[in-house]
Protein backbone atom coordinates (compact mmCIF):
# COMPACT_ATOMS: atom_id res chain seq x y z
CA MET A 1 73.02 24.37 15.65
CA ASN A 2 72.17 21.27 13.61
CA LYS A 3 69.63 19.20 14.97
CA ARG A 4 68.85 16.18 13.09
CA ASN A 5 65.62 16.38 10.72
CA ARG A 6 66.18 13.17 8.99
CA LEU A 7 62.96 11.03 9.33
CA ALA A 8 63.25 7.59 9.40
CA VAL A 9 61.15 5.88 11.89
CA GLY A 10 62.61 4.00 14.65
CA LEU A 11 60.48 1.00 15.48
CA VAL A 12 60.77 -1.22 18.91
CA ALA A 13 59.90 -5.03 17.92
CA GLY A 14 56.05 -5.45 17.94
CA ILE A 15 56.14 -8.31 19.41
CA PHE A 16 57.62 -6.56 22.44
CA MET A 17 55.67 -3.81 22.49
CA LEU A 18 52.39 -5.27 22.51
CA ALA A 19 53.40 -7.27 25.05
CA CYS A 20 53.88 -4.22 27.68
CA ALA A 21 50.97 -2.32 28.94
CA CYS A 22 52.31 1.38 27.73
CA PRO A 23 56.70 1.19 26.94
CA ALA A 24 58.65 4.08 26.86
CA THR A 25 59.97 3.93 23.32
CA SER A 26 61.61 6.05 20.50
CA LEU A 27 60.84 9.10 17.99
CA PRO A 28 62.92 9.17 14.75
CA ALA A 29 65.94 11.11 14.48
CA ILE A 30 66.63 14.43 13.46
CA GLY A 31 70.11 15.75 11.82
CA ASN A 32 73.83 15.06 11.33
CA GLU A 33 76.84 16.82 13.53
CA ALA A 34 80.34 16.21 13.54
CA PRO A 35 81.81 13.61 16.51
CA THR A 36 83.51 14.98 19.04
CA ALA A 37 86.24 14.06 20.67
CA ALA A 38 84.88 14.23 24.19
CA PRO A 39 83.84 11.23 26.19
CA PHE A 40 80.83 10.53 27.81
CA PRO A 41 79.75 9.14 30.38
CA THR A 42 78.25 5.03 30.38
CA SER A 43 76.13 4.96 33.48
CA ALA A 44 74.16 7.69 34.53
CA PRO A 45 74.49 9.16 37.59
CA ILE A 46 72.86 9.16 40.52
CA ILE A 47 71.81 12.98 41.27
CA SER A 48 70.25 15.33 44.02
CA THR A 49 66.59 16.84 42.77
CA LEU A 50 65.84 19.99 40.85
CA PRO A 51 66.58 23.36 42.50
CA ALA A 52 62.90 24.07 43.92
CA LEU A 53 60.81 26.45 41.16
CA PRO A 54 57.60 26.78 42.46
CA PRO A 55 54.99 25.42 39.68
CA SER A 56 53.44 27.30 37.36
CA ALA A 57 49.44 28.29 38.28
CA PRO A 58 47.41 25.88 36.87
CA THR A 59 45.18 27.15 34.63
CA GLY A 60 41.53 26.08 34.24
CA ASP A 61 40.70 22.97 36.14
CA VAL A 62 43.67 20.56 36.64
CA PHE A 63 43.46 17.37 35.15
CA TYR A 64 46.96 15.93 37.12
CA SER A 65 49.82 16.92 39.34
CA ASP A 66 53.05 15.55 40.52
CA ASP A 67 55.79 16.36 42.46
CA PHE A 68 57.56 13.04 41.90
CA SER A 69 58.32 12.36 45.61
CA VAL A 70 57.21 8.83 45.27
CA THR A 71 57.15 6.45 42.40
CA SER A 72 54.92 7.70 39.80
CA ALA A 73 51.61 5.84 39.00
CA GLU A 74 50.22 7.92 36.38
CA MET A 75 54.40 8.01 34.56
CA GLU A 76 55.53 4.71 33.27
CA THR A 77 58.72 3.12 34.58
CA PHE A 78 60.63 1.40 31.74
CA SER A 79 64.25 0.40 30.95
CA ASP A 80 65.51 -1.49 27.30
CA GLU A 81 68.60 -0.64 25.06
CA ASN A 82 67.34 2.72 23.74
CA GLY A 83 67.41 4.34 27.66
CA SER A 84 65.02 4.32 30.87
CA THR A 85 62.10 6.42 32.69
CA GLU A 86 61.92 5.97 36.52
CA THR A 87 60.81 7.86 39.22
CA ARG A 88 64.10 8.84 42.16
CA ASP A 89 65.25 11.04 44.28
CA GLY A 90 62.08 13.49 44.28
CA VAL A 91 62.43 13.40 40.40
CA TYR A 92 60.60 11.48 36.75
CA ILE A 93 64.32 11.16 35.26
CA LEU A 94 64.16 10.02 31.30
CA ARG A 95 67.38 8.65 29.74
CA ALA A 96 67.63 8.42 25.90
CA THR A 97 71.44 6.29 25.12
CA GLY A 98 71.09 5.68 21.07
CA ASP A 99 70.45 8.93 18.25
CA LEU A 100 66.38 8.55 18.77
CA TRP A 101 63.83 10.15 20.68
CA HIS A 102 63.19 8.44 23.95
CA TRP A 103 60.05 8.88 25.71
CA GLY A 104 57.84 7.86 29.15
CA ARG A 105 54.07 8.34 28.56
CA SER A 106 51.52 8.58 31.49
CA ASN A 107 48.64 6.14 31.50
CA SER A 108 45.91 8.62 30.93
CA GLU A 109 44.65 10.15 27.39
CA PHE A 110 44.17 14.23 27.44
CA ASP A 111 42.08 15.71 24.38
CA ASN A 112 42.93 19.56 25.31
CA THR A 113 45.71 20.70 27.63
CA VAL A 114 47.73 22.35 29.41
CA ILE A 115 51.14 20.87 30.36
CA ALA A 116 53.68 23.04 32.71
CA VAL A 117 56.71 21.14 33.94
CA ASP A 118 60.25 21.94 35.71
CA MET A 119 63.04 20.61 33.34
CA LYS A 120 67.03 20.02 33.35
CA MET A 121 69.61 18.76 31.90
CA ILE A 122 71.77 16.72 34.30
CA THR A 123 74.56 14.52 32.02
CA GLY A 124 74.48 15.43 27.93
CA PRO A 125 77.02 16.45 25.37
CA SER A 126 79.75 18.75 25.98
CA ASN A 127 78.37 21.33 23.43
CA ASP A 128 75.14 21.55 25.32
CA ASN A 129 73.14 19.78 21.95
CA ALA A 130 70.08 18.06 23.12
CA GLY A 131 66.68 18.06 22.91
CA PHE A 132 63.82 17.87 25.34
CA GLY A 133 60.65 18.66 26.14
CA VAL A 134 57.05 16.66 25.97
CA ILE A 135 54.50 15.64 23.89
CA CYS A 136 50.83 16.17 24.00
CA ARG A 137 48.12 13.87 21.98
CA LEU A 138 50.16 10.72 21.48
CA THR A 139 48.98 7.49 20.19
CA GLU A 140 49.91 4.62 18.79
CA ARG A 141 49.36 2.72 15.90
CA GLU A 142 49.75 -1.51 15.77
CA ASP A 143 52.78 -1.20 14.34
CA THR A 144 53.91 0.92 16.92
CA SER A 145 55.01 3.99 14.91
CA ILE A 146 52.81 7.55 17.20
CA ASP A 147 51.17 10.01 16.76
CA GLY A 148 51.16 13.79 18.41
CA TYR A 149 52.83 17.05 18.72
CA MET A 150 56.08 17.21 20.49
CA LEU A 151 57.05 21.27 21.69
CA ALA A 152 60.50 20.82 23.28
CA ILE A 153 63.47 23.04 23.67
CA SER A 154 67.66 22.58 23.38
CA ALA A 155 70.72 22.82 26.23
CA ASP A 156 71.86 25.12 23.52
CA GLY A 157 68.81 27.30 23.72
CA TYR A 158 67.07 26.21 20.69
CA TYR A 159 63.15 25.58 20.37
CA THR A 160 60.39 23.05 18.40
CA ILE A 161 56.94 22.42 17.53
CA ARG A 162 56.46 19.61 15.57
CA SER A 163 54.14 16.79 14.61
CA ILE A 164 54.36 13.46 15.01
CA ALA A 165 52.66 11.02 12.12
CA ALA A 166 53.27 7.18 12.09
CA GLY A 167 56.55 8.14 13.95
CA SER A 168 58.10 10.58 10.86
CA MET A 169 58.23 14.25 12.38
CA SER A 170 57.39 17.28 10.05
CA PRO A 171 58.15 20.99 12.17
CA LEU A 172 55.71 23.20 12.53
CA VAL A 173 57.96 25.51 14.16
CA ASP A 174 61.75 24.15 12.91
CA TRP A 175 64.70 25.00 15.41
CA SER A 176 64.94 28.59 15.93
CA TYR A 177 67.41 30.40 18.91
CA SER A 178 65.78 32.89 21.86
CA ASP A 179 67.57 34.14 24.47
CA VAL A 180 65.03 32.69 27.36
CA VAL A 181 65.69 29.24 27.03
CA ASN A 182 68.59 28.57 29.93
CA GLN A 183 71.46 26.30 28.91
CA GLY A 184 73.39 23.86 29.75
CA THR A 185 72.26 22.42 32.90
CA GLU A 186 69.87 24.97 34.10
CA THR A 187 66.58 24.56 34.82
CA ASN A 188 64.06 25.70 31.99
CA ARG A 189 59.67 25.83 33.12
CA ILE A 190 58.06 25.08 30.27
CA ARG A 191 54.21 25.31 29.47
CA ALA A 192 53.06 23.95 26.11
CA THR A 193 49.50 24.47 24.88
CA CYS A 194 47.22 21.76 23.16
CA ASN A 195 43.87 23.17 22.42
CA GLY A 196 42.36 22.10 19.35
CA SER A 197 44.53 22.68 16.37
CA ASP A 198 46.30 25.56 18.75
CA LEU A 199 49.95 24.80 19.92
CA SER A 200 51.92 27.09 21.51
CA LEU A 201 55.46 26.85 23.57
CA GLU A 202 55.83 29.52 26.57
CA VAL A 203 59.69 28.95 28.46
CA ASN A 204 60.48 30.68 31.69
CA GLY A 205 56.81 32.42 31.65
CA GLU A 206 57.65 34.01 27.52
CA THR A 207 55.64 32.03 24.78
CA ILE A 208 58.43 31.54 22.16
CA ALA A 209 56.13 30.00 19.74
CA THR A 210 52.65 28.86 17.85
CA ALA A 211 51.57 26.92 15.65
CA THR A 212 48.76 25.14 14.28
CA ALA A 213 48.24 21.97 13.73
CA ALA A 214 46.33 20.38 10.62
CA GLY A 215 44.56 16.92 11.42
CA GLY A 216 46.75 14.54 13.57
CA SER A 217 46.03 12.95 16.91
CA THR A 218 43.03 14.71 18.97
CA SER A 219 43.21 12.82 22.23
CA GLY A 220 45.90 11.26 23.42
CA SER A 221 48.95 10.31 26.73
CA ILE A 222 51.06 12.93 27.63
CA ALA A 223 54.81 11.96 27.36
CA PHE A 224 58.28 13.17 28.56
CA THR A 225 60.98 13.07 25.85
CA THR A 226 64.66 13.51 25.01
CA ILE A 227 67.17 12.92 22.33
CA SER A 228 71.02 14.19 21.84
CA PHE A 229 72.13 15.08 18.61
CA GLU A 230 75.97 13.84 19.22
CA ASP A 231 77.04 10.59 17.62
CA SER A 232 79.21 10.68 19.85
CA GLN A 233 77.65 11.08 23.12
CA PRO A 234 74.51 9.69 22.64
CA PHE A 235 73.76 9.39 25.83
CA VAL A 236 71.27 12.47 27.87
CA GLU A 237 69.47 12.68 30.92
CA ILE A 238 66.69 15.30 31.46
CA HIS A 239 65.20 15.81 35.14
CA PHE A 240 61.44 16.79 35.16
CA ASP A 241 59.24 17.68 38.33
CA ASN A 242 56.28 20.23 39.32
CA LEU A 243 54.08 18.72 36.31
CA VAL A 244 50.68 19.91 36.05
CA VAL A 245 48.04 18.86 33.11
CA SER A 246 45.16 21.47 33.21
CA LYS A 247 42.79 22.98 30.68
CA PRO A 248 42.93 25.32 28.80
């Protein structure tokens, strides 16, 4: 299974970051995996939209929803050497090309939220060892490191909840396997709840992880995030669709 668990902080140059209103950036890598001989793409393919899935009914009042049929005014568009984010072909596309978690964030900030979204890996390592998910309460420090909470799955059937402090990750629920997580390029719908100190991750209609947030950020942006755990196949592209951000 070997997911990355080292907590080296990946910082983007501070001057550049301060010059951008809200750039995508990268989180610390987490693990070591033996290289494989399988090739990986050097450029992202043009892919059609995700298969239609009914959005989960929001819980309480809806803060924000988006089917990405037009360029998102809420979720950022950005590109650098670590990856890119954009709205295209009716989905929000997140690509990572290195050994750091790459993310695209919202312009608005929220405190207690339920984030429901469809996620589908389009391209990734041949063994499906890639992670993707959402971050709640993302805040950025003066040194460009971030705080927040990540609730994520992997394309080979694992899930996790992690706290992020000054760019360093700590597992609240470490990577664990579940048959509930659809593998490979199958679509997963997740609902990530950040409500006070209560964190929970629901995948395809079933709650598979809960955790308690101790301290940490209490409000911030939401973000989509992804990484390939394979050094020899570092490119991954994830499509996000049917986003609903609501009150718990």
